[in-house]
C-alpha atoms as a PDB file:
ATOM      1  CA  MET A   1       0.200  -7.253  32.151  1.00  0.00           C
ATOM      2  CA  LYS A   2       3.523  -5.753  33.258  1.00  0.00           C
ATOM      3  CA  GLU A   3       3.901  -3.918  29.954  1.00  0.00           C
ATOM      4  CA  GLU A   4       0.505  -2.239  30.387  1.00  0.00           C
ATOM      5  CA  VAL A   5       1.483  -1.104  33.893  1.00  0.00           C
ATOM      6  CA  ARG A   6       4.780   0.272  32.575  1.00  0.00           C
ATOM      7  CA  LYS A   7       2.982   2.243  29.873  1.00  0.00           C
ATOM      8  CA  ALA A   8       0.529   3.660  32.394  1.00  0.00           C
ATOM      9  CA  VAL A   9       3.359   4.686  34.747  1.00  0.00           C
ATOM     10  CA  ARG A  10       5.302   6.340  31.921  1.00  0.00           C
ATOM     11  CA  GLU A  11       2.210   8.268  30.842  1.00  0.00           C
ATOM     12  CA  GLU A  12       1.585   9.401  34.421  1.00  0.00           C
ATOM     13  CA  LEU A  13       5.178  10.638  34.705  1.00  0.00           C
ATOM     14  CA  ARG A  14       4.849  12.565  31.431  1.00  0.00           C
ATOM     15  CA  CYS A  15       1.689  14.267  32.724  1.00  0.00           C
ATOM     16  CA  ARG A  16       3.394  15.151  36.024  1.00  0.00           C
ATOM     17  CA  LYS A  17       6.382  16.651  34.211  1.00  0.00           C
ATOM     18  CA  LYS A  18       4.077  18.823  32.072  1.00  0.00           C
ATOM     19  CA  LEU A  19       2.184  19.965  35.193  1.00  0.00           C
ATOM     20  CA  ILE A  20       5.434  20.783  37.009  1.00  0.00           C
ATOM     21  CA  VAL A  21       6.699  22.848  34.049  1.00  0.00           C
ATOM     22  CA  LEU A  22       3.369  24.714  33.825  1.00  0.00           C
ATOM     23  CA  GLU A  23       3.303  25.392  37.604  1.00  0.00           C
ATOM     24  CA  TYR A  24       6.963  26.492  37.641  1.00  0.00           C
ATOM     25  CA  ALA A  25       6.268  28.958  34.815  1.00  0.00           C
ATOM     26  CA  ASP A  26       3.358  30.393  36.854  1.00  0.00           C
ATOM     27  CA  LEU A  27       5.467  30.668  40.023  1.00  0.00           C
ATOM     28  CA  CYS A  28       8.515  32.307  38.472  1.00  0.00           C
ATOM     29  CA  GLY A  29       6.453  34.333  36.007  1.00  0.00           C
ATOM     30  CA  SER A  30       8.728  33.579  33.041  1.00  0.00           C
ATOM     31  CA  VAL A  31       8.017  30.998  30.359  1.00  0.00           C
ATOM     32  CA  THR A  32      11.541  31.327  28.980  1.00  0.00           C
ATOM     33  CA  LYS A  33      13.111  30.593  32.380  1.00  0.00           C
ATOM     34  CA  ALA A  34      10.840  27.578  32.965  1.00  0.00           C
ATOM     35  CA  CYS A  35      11.553  26.173  29.520  1.00  0.00           C
ATOM     36  CA  LYS A  36      15.311  26.564  29.987  1.00  0.00           C
ATOM     37  CA  GLU A  37      15.178  25.024  33.464  1.00  0.00           C
ATOM     38  CA  PHE A  38      13.373  21.877  32.245  1.00  0.00           C
ATOM     39  CA  ASP A  39      14.916  21.821  28.752  1.00  0.00           C
ATOM     40  CA  VAL A  40      11.544  22.103  26.997  1.00  0.00           C
ATOM     41  CA  PRO A  41      11.008  24.043  23.759  1.00  0.00           C
ATOM     42  CA  LYS A  42       8.506  26.898  23.927  1.00  0.00           C
ATOM     43  CA  SER A  43       6.107  25.562  21.272  1.00  0.00           C
ATOM     44  CA  PRO A  44       5.230  22.366  23.211  1.00  0.00           C
ATOM     45  CA  PHE A  45       4.925  24.446  26.383  1.00  0.00           C
ATOM     46  CA  TYR A  46       2.273  26.668  24.824  1.00  0.00           C
ATOM     47  CA  GLU A  47       0.463  23.596  23.418  1.00  0.00           C
ATOM     48  CA  TRP A  48       0.423  22.035  26.916  1.00  0.00           C
ATOM     49  CA  LYS A  49      -0.817  25.277  28.431  1.00  0.00           C
ATOM     50  CA  GLU A  50      -3.644  25.599  25.893  1.00  0.00           C
ATOM     51  CA  THR A  51      -4.837  21.996  26.315  1.00  0.00           C
ATOM     52  CA  TYR A  52      -4.547  22.295  30.114  1.00  0.00           C
ATOM     53  CA  VAL A  53      -6.715  25.408  30.133  1.00  0.00           C
ATOM     54  CA  LEU A  54      -9.313  23.770  27.868  1.00  0.00           C
ATOM     55  CA  ASN A  55      -9.382  20.177  29.212  1.00  0.00           C
ATOM     56  CA  GLY A  56      -7.575  20.223  32.540  1.00  0.00           C
ATOM     57  CA  ARG A  57      -5.274  17.341  33.453  1.00  0.00           C
ATOM     58  CA  ALA A  58      -6.925  15.073  30.840  1.00  0.00           C
ATOM     59  CA  GLY A  59      -5.625  17.409  28.134  1.00  0.00           C
ATOM     60  CA  LEU A  60      -2.034  16.611  29.073  1.00  0.00           C
ATOM     61  CA  VAL A  61      -2.407  12.901  28.307  1.00  0.00           C
ATOM     62  CA  ARG A  62      -0.667  11.998  25.064  1.00  0.00           C
ATOM     63  CA  LYS A  63      -3.036  11.605  22.114  1.00  0.00           C
ATOM     64  CA  LYS A  64      -2.766   9.294  19.147  1.00  0.00           C
ATOM     65  CA  PRO A  65      -0.388  11.071  16.728  1.00  0.00           C
ATOM     66  CA  ILE A  66      -2.403  10.324  13.561  1.00  0.00           C
ATOM     67  CA  PRO A  67      -5.810  11.541  12.421  1.00  0.00           C
ATOM     68  CA  LYS A  68      -8.772   9.230  12.990  1.00  0.00           C
ATOM     69  CA  SER A  69      -9.718   9.264   9.320  1.00  0.00           C
ATOM     70  CA  HIS A  70      -7.253   9.653   6.501  1.00  0.00           C
ATOM     71  CA  PRO A  71      -8.363  11.977   3.698  1.00  0.00           C
ATOM     72  CA  ARG A  72      -7.275   9.511   1.007  1.00  0.00           C
ATOM     73  CA  SER A  73      -8.721   6.381   2.596  1.00  0.00           C
ATOM     74  CA  VAL A  74     -10.745   3.971   0.468  1.00  0.00           C
ATOM     75  CA  PRO A  75     -14.467   4.832   0.594  1.00  0.00           C
ATOM     76  CA  GLU A  76     -16.787   2.409   2.404  1.00  0.00           C
ATOM     77  CA  GLU A  77     -18.768   1.676  -0.803  1.00  0.00           C
ATOM     78  CA  VAL A  78     -15.590   0.486  -2.547  1.00  0.00           C
ATOM     79  CA  ILE A  79     -14.689  -1.731   0.416  1.00  0.00           C
ATOM     80  CA  GLU A  80     -18.157  -3.295   0.270  1.00  0.00           C
ATOM     81  CA  LYS A  81     -17.752  -3.937  -3.487  1.00  0.00           C
ATOM     82  CA  ILE A  82     -14.344  -5.540  -2.932  1.00  0.00           C
ATOM     83  CA  LEU A  83     -15.700  -7.850  -0.230  1.00  0.00           C
ATOM     84  CA  HIS A  84     -18.753  -8.707  -2.362  1.00  0.00           C
ATOM     85  CA  ILE A  85     -16.579  -9.547  -5.406  1.00  0.00           C
ATOM     86  CA  ARG A  86     -14.269 -11.669  -3.256  1.00  0.00           C
ATOM     87  CA  SER A  87     -17.070 -13.676  -1.641  1.00  0.00           C
ATOM     88  CA  THR A  88     -19.135 -14.061  -4.843  1.00  0.00           C
ATOM     89  CA  TYR A  89     -16.517 -14.714  -7.534  1.00  0.00           C
ATOM     90  CA  GLN A  90     -13.522 -15.777  -5.389  1.00  0.00           C
ATOM     91  CA  LEU A  91     -11.101 -13.576  -7.300  1.00  0.00           C
ATOM     92  CA  GLY A  92      -7.636 -12.569  -6.144  1.00  0.00           C
ATOM     93  CA  PRO A  93      -6.534  -8.973  -5.454  1.00  0.00           C
ATOM     94  CA  GLU A  94      -5.207  -8.365  -8.966  1.00  0.00           C
ATOM     95  CA  ARG A  95      -8.380  -9.565 -10.667  1.00  0.00           C
ATOM     96  CA  ILE A  96     -10.544  -7.620  -8.228  1.00  0.00           C
ATOM     97  CA  MET A  97      -8.535  -4.513  -9.160  1.00  0.00           C
ATOM     98  CA  TRP A  98      -9.119  -5.190 -12.883  1.00  0.00           C
ATOM     99  CA  TYR A  99     -12.830  -5.912 -12.295  1.00  0.00           C
ATOM    100  CA  LEU A 100     -13.382  -2.667 -10.401  1.00  0.00           C
ATOM    101  CA  GLU A 101     -11.597  -0.625 -13.048  1.00  0.00           C
ATOM    102  CA  ARG A 102     -13.350  -2.269 -15.979  1.00  0.00           C
ATOM    103  CA  TYR A 103     -16.934  -2.543 -14.743  1.00  0.00           C
ATOM    104  CA  HIS A 104     -17.182   0.225 -12.124  1.00  0.00           C
ATOM    105  CA  GLY A 105     -14.542   2.745 -13.271  1.00  0.00           C
ATOM    106  CA  ILE A 106     -12.840   2.569  -9.854  1.00  0.00           C
ATOM    107  CA  LYS A 107      -9.041   2.800  -9.870  1.00  0.00           C
ATOM    108  CA  ILE A 108      -7.447   1.168  -6.837  1.00  0.00           C
ATOM    109  CA  SER A 109      -4.083  -0.523  -6.430  1.00  0.00           C
ATOM    110  CA  GLU A 110      -3.649  -4.245  -5.963  1.00  0.00           C
ATOM    111  CA  SER A 111      -1.916  -3.680  -2.623  1.00  0.00           C
ATOM    112  CA  SER A 112      -4.865  -1.625  -1.342  1.00  0.00           C
ATOM    113  CA  VAL A 113      -7.263  -4.419  -2.305  1.00  0.00           C
ATOM    114  CA  TYR A 114      -5.039  -6.936  -0.503  1.00  0.00           C
ATOM    115  CA  ARG A 115      -4.843  -4.797   2.655  1.00  0.00           C
ATOM    116  CA  ILE A 116      -8.636  -4.476   2.698  1.00  0.00           C
ATOM    117  CA  LEU A 117      -8.988  -8.247   2.356  1.00  0.00           C
ATOM    118  CA  VAL A 118      -6.498  -8.836   5.184  1.00  0.00           C
ATOM    119  CA  ARG A 119      -8.281  -6.309   7.399  1.00  0.00           C
ATOM    120  CA  HIS A 120     -11.552  -8.225   6.928  1.00  0.00           C
ATOM    121  CA  GLY A 121     -10.018 -11.698   7.287  1.00  0.00           C
ATOM    122  CA  MET A 122     -10.542 -12.665   3.647  1.00  0.00           C
ATOM    123  CA  ASN A 123      -6.926 -12.732   2.463  1.00  0.00           C
ATOM    124  CA  ARG A 124      -6.890 -16.521   1.868  1.00  0.00           C
ATOM    125  CA  LEU A 125      -9.023 -18.100  -0.817  1.00  0.00           C
ATOM    126  CA  PRO A 126     -10.736 -21.364   0.156  1.00  0.00           C
ATOM    127  CA  LYS A 127      -9.204 -24.615  -1.125  1.00  0.00           C
ATOM    128  CA  SER A 128     -12.297 -25.163  -3.258  1.00  0.00           C
ATOM    129  CA  ALA A 129     -11.706 -21.942  -5.245  1.00  0.00           C
ATOM    130  CA  PRO A 130     -11.434 -22.730  -8.962  1.00  0.00           C
ATOM    131  CA  HIS A 131      -8.118 -22.185 -10.701  1.00  0.00           C
ATOM    132  CA  ARG A 132      -8.680 -20.075 -13.796  1.00  0.00           C
ATOM    133  CA  ALA A 133      -6.262 -20.608 -16.636  1.00  0.00           C
ATOM    134  CA  ILE A 134      -5.338 -17.430 -18.441  1.00  0.00           C
ATOM    135  CA  HIS A 135      -5.176 -17.493 -22.246  1.00  0.00           C
ATOM    136  CA  THR A 136      -5.018 -21.273 -22.684  1.00  0.00           C
ATOM    137  CA  LYS A 137      -7.116 -21.458 -25.845  1.00  0.00           C
ATOM    138  CA  ARG A 138      -4.803 -21.531 -28.851  1.00  0.00           C
ATOM    139  CA  TYR A 139      -5.961 -19.788 -31.978  1.00  0.00           C
ATOM    140  CA  PHE A 140      -5.599 -21.207 -35.495  1.00  0.00           C
ATOM    141  CA  LYS A 141      -6.409 -20.201 -39.058  1.00  0.00           C
ATOM    142  CA  THR A 142      -8.172 -22.467 -41.554  1.00  0.00           C
ATOM    143  CA  VAL A 143      -6.678 -21.201 -44.835  1.00  0.00           C
ATOM    144  CA  PRO A 144      -2.942 -21.955 -45.318  1.00  0.00           C
ATOM    145  CA  GLY A 145      -0.827 -18.915 -46.188  1.00  0.00           C
ATOM    146  CA  HIS A 146      -3.548 -16.494 -45.108  1.00  0.00           C
ATOM    147  CA  HIS A 147      -1.864 -15.454 -41.853  1.00  0.00           C
ATOM    148  CA  ILE A 148       1.878 -15.684 -41.205  1.00  0.00           C
ATOM    149  CA  GLN A 149       3.907 -14.759 -38.132  1.00  0.00           C
ATOM    150  CA  VAL A 150       7.377 -13.346 -38.748  1.00  0.00           C
ATOM    151  CA  ASP A 151      10.053 -13.221 -36.063  1.00  0.00           C
ATOM    152  CA  VAL A 152      13.547 -11.694 -36.251  1.00  0.00           C
ATOM    153  CA  LYS A 153      16.591 -12.782 -34.289  1.00  0.00           C
ATOM    154  CA  PHE A 154      19.800 -10.753 -34.227  1.00  0.00           C
ATOM    155  CA  LEU A 155      22.973 -12.861 -34.467  1.00  0.00           C
ATOM    156  CA  TRP A 156      26.512 -11.748 -33.684  1.00  0.00           C
ATOM    157  CA  LEU A 157      29.158 -13.745 -35.556  1.00  0.00           C
ATOM    158  CA  LYS A 158      32.946 -13.412 -35.724  1.00  0.00           C
ATOM    159  CA  ASP A 159      34.799 -13.236 -39.025  1.00  0.00           C
ATOM    160  CA  ALA A 160      38.329 -14.524 -39.758  1.00  0.00           C
ATOM    161  CA  GLU A 161      39.937 -11.443 -38.168  1.00  0.00           C
ATOM    162  CA  GLY A 162      37.852 -11.771 -34.997  1.00  0.00           C
ATOM    163  CA  GLN A 163      35.608  -8.787 -35.657  1.00  0.00           C
ATOM    164  CA  ARG A 164      31.951  -9.060 -34.766  1.00  0.00           C
ATOM    165  CA  ILE A 165      29.458  -9.119 -37.625  1.00  0.00           C
ATOM    166  CA  ARG A 166      25.743  -8.593 -37.119  1.00  0.00           C
ATOM    167  CA  ARG A 167      23.393 -10.892 -39.040  1.00  0.00           C
ATOM    168  CA  PHE A 168      19.631 -11.329 -39.006  1.00  0.00           C
ATOM    169  CA  GLN A 169      17.636 -14.558 -38.910  1.00  0.00           C
ATOM    170  CA  TYR A 170      14.035 -14.254 -40.118  1.00  0.00           C
ATOM    171  CA  THR A 171      11.584 -17.009 -39.226  1.00  0.00           C
ATOM    172  CA  ALA A 172       8.121 -17.181 -40.844  1.00  0.00           C
ATOM    173  CA  ILE A 173       5.434 -19.497 -39.400  1.00  0.00           C
ATOM    174  CA  ASP A 174       2.162 -20.243 -41.146  1.00  0.00           C
ATOM    175  CA  ASP A 175      -0.696 -20.164 -38.636  1.00  0.00           C
ATOM    176  CA  ALA A 176      -2.822 -22.765 -40.429  1.00  0.00           C
ATOM    177  CA  THR A 177      -0.204 -25.468 -41.069  1.00  0.00           C
ATOM    178  CA  ARG A 178       2.535 -24.428 -38.587  1.00  0.00           C
ATOM    179  CA  ILE A 179       5.104 -24.817 -41.369  1.00  0.00           C
ATOM    180  CA  ARG A 180       8.243 -22.803 -40.625  1.00  0.00           C
ATOM    181  CA  ALA A 181      10.651 -21.193 -43.048  1.00  0.00           C
END
């Protein structure tokens, strides 16, 4: 409660100061003199004067310093799709991002999806949400020798003089039998 009163008092004092500067400039007839007297740059003075002429005292009240709608904000249709995907499929932000890009052609970052979910109170999945394992099915081949994986490892050895020698270790694994060589 006290903080709200303090803010209101501060705002009232700001408005009074602006009015005093505007009235002083009218009385002395010099904007430069008034601005020097109250240590106010000329550009804010002219802004105050313009808003005072248009809106009166209400124009001197400080406005929110950001625009009401950001030009690059996420469209409402995309927000609705994100919320629908979350409630229907119970996917996390990263999977929602992938889903939108793959099936709807919408590119949006994972952090934007998360912020939208937080804003709408859907940032936590319910405890009953299924855990999806990614890539748990192991593949195998039926014919031995048909498909072989080859890996290379680089080894650094030291010879008798202490110099480093580079050697290669090749490992081949048959996908059907899992025999290694």
